Amino acid sequence: MTALPASPAGRCGPNAGADVKVAAQHLVLYDGVCGMCNAAVQFLLPRDRHHSFDYASLQSRTGQAWLARFGKPPGSLDTVMVITDYRGSAPAMRAKADAALFAVSVLGQPWRSLALLRVLPARVLNAGYDFVARHRYRVFGRYDVCLLPRAEDKDRFIDL
């Protein structure tokens, strides 16, 4: 991807000189100020033994660029998204329950077992996802700025 301007809020600005790991195949886009979203990222990090995921907040320039690429409005902060094969020639966007179930399926067992929820209709899964998303700030809190990752995880984040 080409260089893009900083995020509109400027709260998750670029980390000049940060090296991006080439090994990651998928990109998790999450609401950087959401307590639940940050907890989900903190859940994924230690369980992603093969470093299959990189991470960027939806507010970052990378997040905003991917939203634009897939025709989503810049304010689409109410869902986690996973860009599969984001470094390849045919990246695809997964959102809501599909993104969450994809992420746990990549982690391996026992987490992969949660992907069995796909037997439920997508409409039902997304209704549950939307309910949680509507109440996430009230239940899990909201930060004023995007949180910074631990030092040992910084190389897995884009646009800090």
C-alpha atoms as a PDB file:
ATOM      1  CA  MET A   1       0.000   0.000   0.000  1.00  0.00           C
ATOM      2  CA  THR A   2       1.129   3.538  -0.606  1.00  0.00           C
ATOM      3  CA  ALA A   3       1.708   6.051   2.139  1.00  0.00           C
ATOM      4  CA  LEU A   4      -1.515   7.534   3.421  1.00  0.00           C
ATOM      5  CA  PRO A   5      -2.308  10.556   5.559  1.00  0.00           C
ATOM      6  CA  ALA A   6      -2.631  10.200   9.330  1.00  0.00           C
ATOM      7  CA  SER A   7      -5.994   9.250  10.795  1.00  0.00           C
ATOM      8  CA  PRO A   8      -8.517  12.089  10.974  1.00  0.00           C
ATOM      9  CA  ALA A   9      -8.528  12.041  14.771  1.00  0.00           C
ATOM     10  CA  GLY A  10      -4.738  11.869  14.846  1.00  0.00           C
ATOM     11  CA  ARG A  11      -4.890   9.618  17.882  1.00  0.00           C
ATOM     12  CA  CYS A  12      -3.281   6.560  16.373  1.00  0.00           C
ATOM     13  CA  GLY A  13      -0.628   8.295  14.325  1.00  0.00           C
ATOM     14  CA  PRO A  14       2.099   6.544  12.411  1.00  0.00           C
ATOM     15  CA  ASN A  15       5.068   5.041  14.198  1.00  0.00           C
ATOM     16  CA  ALA A  16       7.924   6.231  12.051  1.00  0.00           C
ATOM     17  CA  GLY A  17      10.570   3.622  11.546  1.00  0.00           C
ATOM     18  CA  ALA A  18       8.453   0.681  12.711  1.00  0.00           C
ATOM     19  CA  ASP A  19       9.215  -2.528  10.888  1.00  0.00           C
ATOM     20  CA  VAL A  20       6.208  -4.526   9.764  1.00  0.00           C
ATOM     21  CA  LYS A  21       6.533  -8.289  10.031  1.00  0.00           C
ATOM     22  CA  VAL A  22       6.213  -9.982   6.665  1.00  0.00           C
ATOM     23  CA  ALA A  23       4.967 -13.284   8.123  1.00  0.00           C
ATOM     24  CA  ALA A  24       1.430 -12.154   8.966  1.00  0.00           C
ATOM     25  CA  GLN A  25      -1.170 -13.131   6.417  1.00  0.00           C
ATOM     26  CA  HIS A  26      -4.222 -11.399   7.863  1.00  0.00           C
ATOM     27  CA  LEU A  27      -4.979  -7.969   9.287  1.00  0.00           C
ATOM     28  CA  VAL A  28      -7.340  -7.430  12.223  1.00  0.00           C
ATOM     29  CA  LEU A  29      -8.998  -4.002  12.161  1.00  0.00           C
ATOM     30  CA  TYR A  30     -10.571  -3.030  15.475  1.00  0.00           C
ATOM     31  CA  ASP A  31     -12.008   0.021  17.232  1.00  0.00           C
ATOM     32  CA  GLY A  32      -8.919   1.333  18.998  1.00  0.00           C
ATOM     33  CA  VAL A  33     -10.832   3.176  21.717  1.00  0.00           C
ATOM     34  CA  CYS A  34     -13.214   0.316  22.598  1.00  0.00           C
ATOM     35  CA  GLY A  35     -12.465  -1.594  25.785  1.00  0.00           C
ATOM     36  CA  MET A  36     -13.989  -4.810  24.434  1.00  0.00           C
ATOM     37  CA  CYS A  37     -12.133  -4.557  21.132  1.00  0.00           C
ATOM     38  CA  ASN A  38      -8.825  -4.022  22.913  1.00  0.00           C
ATOM     39  CA  ALA A  39      -9.582  -7.010  25.161  1.00  0.00           C
ATOM     40  CA  ALA A  40     -10.255  -9.111  22.045  1.00  0.00           C
ATOM     41  CA  VAL A  41      -6.880  -8.106  20.591  1.00  0.00           C
ATOM     42  CA  GLN A  42      -5.211  -8.931  23.912  1.00  0.00           C
ATOM     43  CA  PHE A  43      -6.927 -12.330  23.756  1.00  0.00           C
ATOM     44  CA  LEU A  44      -5.684 -13.015  20.218  1.00  0.00           C
ATOM     45  CA  LEU A  45      -2.055 -11.921  20.653  1.00  0.00           C
ATOM     46  CA  PRO A  46      -0.750 -14.700  22.932  1.00  0.00           C
ATOM     47  CA  ARG A  47      -2.862 -17.392  21.256  1.00  0.00           C
ATOM     48  CA  ASP A  48      -1.720 -16.536  17.731  1.00  0.00           C
ATOM     49  CA  ARG A  49       1.335 -18.788  17.973  1.00  0.00           C
ATOM     50  CA  HIS A  50       2.110 -18.597  14.248  1.00  0.00           C
ATOM     51  CA  HIS A  51       1.789 -14.797  14.106  1.00  0.00           C
ATOM     52  CA  SER A  52      -0.900 -15.058  11.437  1.00  0.00           C
ATOM     53  CA  PHE A  53      -2.329 -11.644  12.309  1.00  0.00           C
ATOM     54  CA  ASP A  54      -1.170  -8.057  12.226  1.00  0.00           C
ATOM     55  CA  TYR A  55      -3.325  -5.402  13.888  1.00  0.00           C
ATOM     56  CA  ALA A  56      -4.432  -1.843  13.141  1.00  0.00           C
ATOM     57  CA  SER A  57      -7.109   0.323  14.655  1.00  0.00           C
ATOM     58  CA  LEU A  58      -9.977   1.364  12.409  1.00  0.00           C
ATOM     59  CA  GLN A  59      -9.092   4.972  13.289  1.00  0.00           C
ATOM     60  CA  SER A  60      -5.556   4.646  11.908  1.00  0.00           C
ATOM     61  CA  ARG A  61      -4.550   5.580   8.394  1.00  0.00           C
ATOM     62  CA  THR A  62      -4.240   1.886   7.552  1.00  0.00           C
ATOM     63  CA  GLY A  63      -7.696   1.159   8.934  1.00  0.00           C
ATOM     64  CA  GLN A  64      -9.202   4.083   7.055  1.00  0.00           C
ATOM     65  CA  ALA A  65      -7.475   3.022   3.820  1.00  0.00           C
ATOM     66  CA  TRP A  66      -8.876  -0.512   4.058  1.00  0.00           C
ATOM     67  CA  LEU A  67     -12.361   0.818   4.818  1.00  0.00           C
ATOM     68  CA  ALA A  68     -12.161   3.009   1.700  1.00  0.00           C
ATOM     69  CA  ARG A  69     -10.810   0.157  -0.412  1.00  0.00           C
ATOM     70  CA  PHE A  70     -13.844  -1.966   0.451  1.00  0.00           C
ATOM     71  CA  GLY A  71     -16.339   0.901   0.124  1.00  0.00           C
ATOM     72  CA  LYS A  72     -17.091   1.259   3.834  1.00  0.00           C
ATOM     73  CA  PRO A  73     -17.717   4.702   5.362  1.00  0.00           C
ATOM     74  CA  PRO A  74     -14.833   6.132   7.423  1.00  0.00           C
ATOM     75  CA  GLY A  75     -16.992   6.043  10.564  1.00  0.00           C
ATOM     76  CA  SER A  76     -17.482   2.254  10.371  1.00  0.00           C
ATOM     77  CA  LEU A  77     -16.140   1.621  13.848  1.00  0.00           C
ATOM     78  CA  ASP A  78     -18.848  -0.691  15.152  1.00  0.00           C
ATOM     79  CA  THR A  79     -17.389  -3.963  13.950  1.00  0.00           C
ATOM     80  CA  VAL A  80     -14.171  -5.883  13.951  1.00  0.00           C
ATOM     81  CA  MET A  81     -12.909  -6.669  10.475  1.00  0.00           C
ATOM     82  CA  VAL A  82     -10.336  -9.136   9.265  1.00  0.00           C
ATOM     83  CA  ILE A  83      -8.642  -8.575   5.928  1.00  0.00           C
ATOM     84  CA  THR A  84      -7.580 -12.035   4.796  1.00  0.00           C
ATOM     85  CA  ASP A  85      -4.440 -12.320   2.677  1.00  0.00           C
ATOM     86  CA  TYR A  86      -3.969  -8.582   3.117  1.00  0.00           C
ATOM     87  CA  ARG A  87      -0.472  -8.612   1.641  1.00  0.00           C
ATOM     88  CA  GLY A  88      -1.523 -10.725  -1.348  1.00  0.00           C
ATOM     89  CA  SER A  89      -3.103  -9.914  -4.669  1.00  0.00           C
ATOM     90  CA  ALA A  90      -6.677 -10.781  -3.638  1.00  0.00           C
ATOM     91  CA  PRO A  91      -7.387  -9.589  -0.086  1.00  0.00           C
ATOM     92  CA  ALA A  92     -10.918 -10.092   1.210  1.00  0.00           C
ATOM     93  CA  MET A  93     -12.798  -8.412   4.035  1.00  0.00           C
ATOM     94  CA  ARG A  94     -14.617 -10.362   6.721  1.00  0.00           C
ATOM     95  CA  ALA A  95     -16.765  -8.483   9.212  1.00  0.00           C
ATOM     96  CA  LYS A  96     -18.812  -9.010  12.345  1.00  0.00           C
ATOM     97  CA  ALA A  97     -19.381 -12.627  13.422  1.00  0.00           C
ATOM     98  CA  ASP A  98     -17.666 -13.953  10.291  1.00  0.00           C
ATOM     99  CA  ALA A  99     -14.477 -12.047  11.208  1.00  0.00           C
ATOM    100  CA  ALA A 100     -14.561 -13.205  14.821  1.00  0.00           C
ATOM    101  CA  LEU A 101     -15.134 -16.849  13.885  1.00  0.00           C
ATOM    102  CA  PHE A 102     -12.422 -16.698  11.235  1.00  0.00           C
ATOM    103  CA  ALA A 103      -9.963 -15.312  13.795  1.00  0.00           C
ATOM    104  CA  VAL A 104     -10.605 -18.064  16.332  1.00  0.00           C
ATOM    105  CA  SER A 105     -10.422 -20.716  13.617  1.00  0.00           C
ATOM    106  CA  VAL A 106      -6.881 -19.570  12.754  1.00  0.00           C
ATOM    107  CA  LEU A 107      -5.794 -19.895  16.398  1.00  0.00           C
ATOM    108  CA  GLY A 108      -6.073 -23.674  16.423  1.00  0.00           C
ATOM    109  CA  GLN A 109      -7.553 -25.845  19.158  1.00  0.00           C
ATOM    110  CA  PRO A 110      -9.332 -25.421  21.479  1.00  0.00           C
ATOM    111  CA  TRP A 111     -10.403 -22.057  20.039  1.00  0.00           C
ATOM    112  CA  ARG A 112     -11.041 -23.446  16.557  1.00  0.00           C
ATOM    113  CA  SER A 113     -13.983 -25.346  18.035  1.00  0.00           C
ATOM    114  CA  LEU A 114     -15.843 -22.052  18.426  1.00  0.00           C
ATOM    115  CA  ALA A 115     -16.034 -21.881  14.635  1.00  0.00           C
ATOM    116  CA  LEU A 116     -18.696 -24.598  14.896  1.00  0.00           C
ATOM    117  CA  LEU A 117     -21.062 -21.701  15.570  1.00  0.00           C
ATOM    118  CA  ARG A 118     -21.069 -21.243  11.787  1.00  0.00           C
ATOM    119  CA  VAL A 119     -23.843 -23.836  11.667  1.00  0.00           C
ATOM    120  CA  LEU A 120     -26.100 -21.004  12.810  1.00  0.00           C
ATOM    121  CA  PRO A 121     -27.411 -18.675  10.114  1.00  0.00           C
ATOM    122  CA  ALA A 122     -25.245 -15.597   9.539  1.00  0.00           C
ATOM    123  CA  ARG A 123     -28.307 -13.436  10.233  1.00  0.00           C
ATOM    124  CA  VAL A 124     -28.588 -14.888  13.753  1.00  0.00           C
ATOM    125  CA  LEU A 125     -24.846 -14.621  14.445  1.00  0.00           C
ATOM    126  CA  ASN A 126     -24.718 -11.024  13.240  1.00  0.00           C
ATOM    127  CA  ALA A 127     -27.811 -10.070  15.255  1.00  0.00           C
ATOM    128  CA  GLY A 128     -25.992 -11.259  18.379  1.00  0.00           C
ATOM    129  CA  TYR A 129     -22.829  -9.478  17.277  1.00  0.00           C
ATOM    130  CA  ASP A 130     -24.764  -6.237  16.634  1.00  0.00           C
ATOM    131  CA  PHE A 131     -26.408  -6.408  20.060  1.00  0.00           C
ATOM    132  CA  VAL A 132     -23.022  -6.676  21.789  1.00  0.00           C
ATOM    133  CA  ALA A 133     -21.537  -3.963  19.532  1.00  0.00           C
ATOM    134  CA  ARG A 134     -24.338  -1.522  20.420  1.00  0.00           C
ATOM    135  CA  HIS A 135     -23.630  -1.896  24.139  1.00  0.00           C
ATOM    136  CA  ARG A 136     -19.852  -2.392  24.111  1.00  0.00           C
ATOM    137  CA  TYR A 137     -18.871   1.077  25.338  1.00  0.00           C
ATOM    138  CA  ARG A 138     -21.381   0.986  28.195  1.00  0.00           C
ATOM    139  CA  VAL A 139     -20.291  -2.470  29.359  1.00  0.00           C
ATOM    140  CA  PHE A 140     -16.567  -2.527  28.515  1.00  0.00           C
ATOM    141  CA  GLY A 141     -15.712   1.171  28.518  1.00  0.00           C
ATOM    142  CA  ARG A 142     -14.218   3.586  26.035  1.00  0.00           C
ATOM    143  CA  TYR A 143     -10.766   5.161  25.976  1.00  0.00           C
ATOM    144  CA  ASP A 144      -9.963   8.717  24.915  1.00  0.00           C
ATOM    145  CA  VAL A 145      -7.108   7.510  22.702  1.00  0.00           C
ATOM    146  CA  CYS A 146      -6.009   4.239  21.131  1.00  0.00           C
ATOM    147  CA  LEU A 147      -4.087   2.107  23.592  1.00  0.00           C
ATOM    148  CA  LEU A 148      -0.472   1.223  22.885  1.00  0.00           C
ATOM    149  CA  PRO A 149       0.525  -2.440  22.762  1.00  0.00           C
ATOM    150  CA  ARG A 150       3.098  -4.026  25.035  1.00  0.00           C
ATOM    151  CA  ALA A 151       6.694  -3.612  23.855  1.00  0.00           C
ATOM    152  CA  GLU A 152       6.953  -7.302  22.865  1.00  0.00           C
ATOM    153  CA  ASP A 153       3.902  -6.965  20.590  1.00  0.00           C
ATOM    154  CA  LYS A 154       4.670  -3.628  18.894  1.00  0.00           C
ATOM    155  CA  ASP A 155       6.012  -5.239  15.722  1.00  0.00           C
ATOM    156  CA  ARG A 156       2.575  -6.779  15.111  1.00  0.00           C
ATOM    157  CA  PHE A 157       0.784  -3.411  15.009  1.00  0.00           C
ATOM    158  CA  ILE A 158       0.614  -1.074  12.040  1.00  0.00           C
ATOM    159  CA  ASP A 159       0.292   2.719  12.429  1.00  0.00           C
ATOM    160  CA  LEU A 160       0.915   3.126  16.129  1.00  0.00           C
END
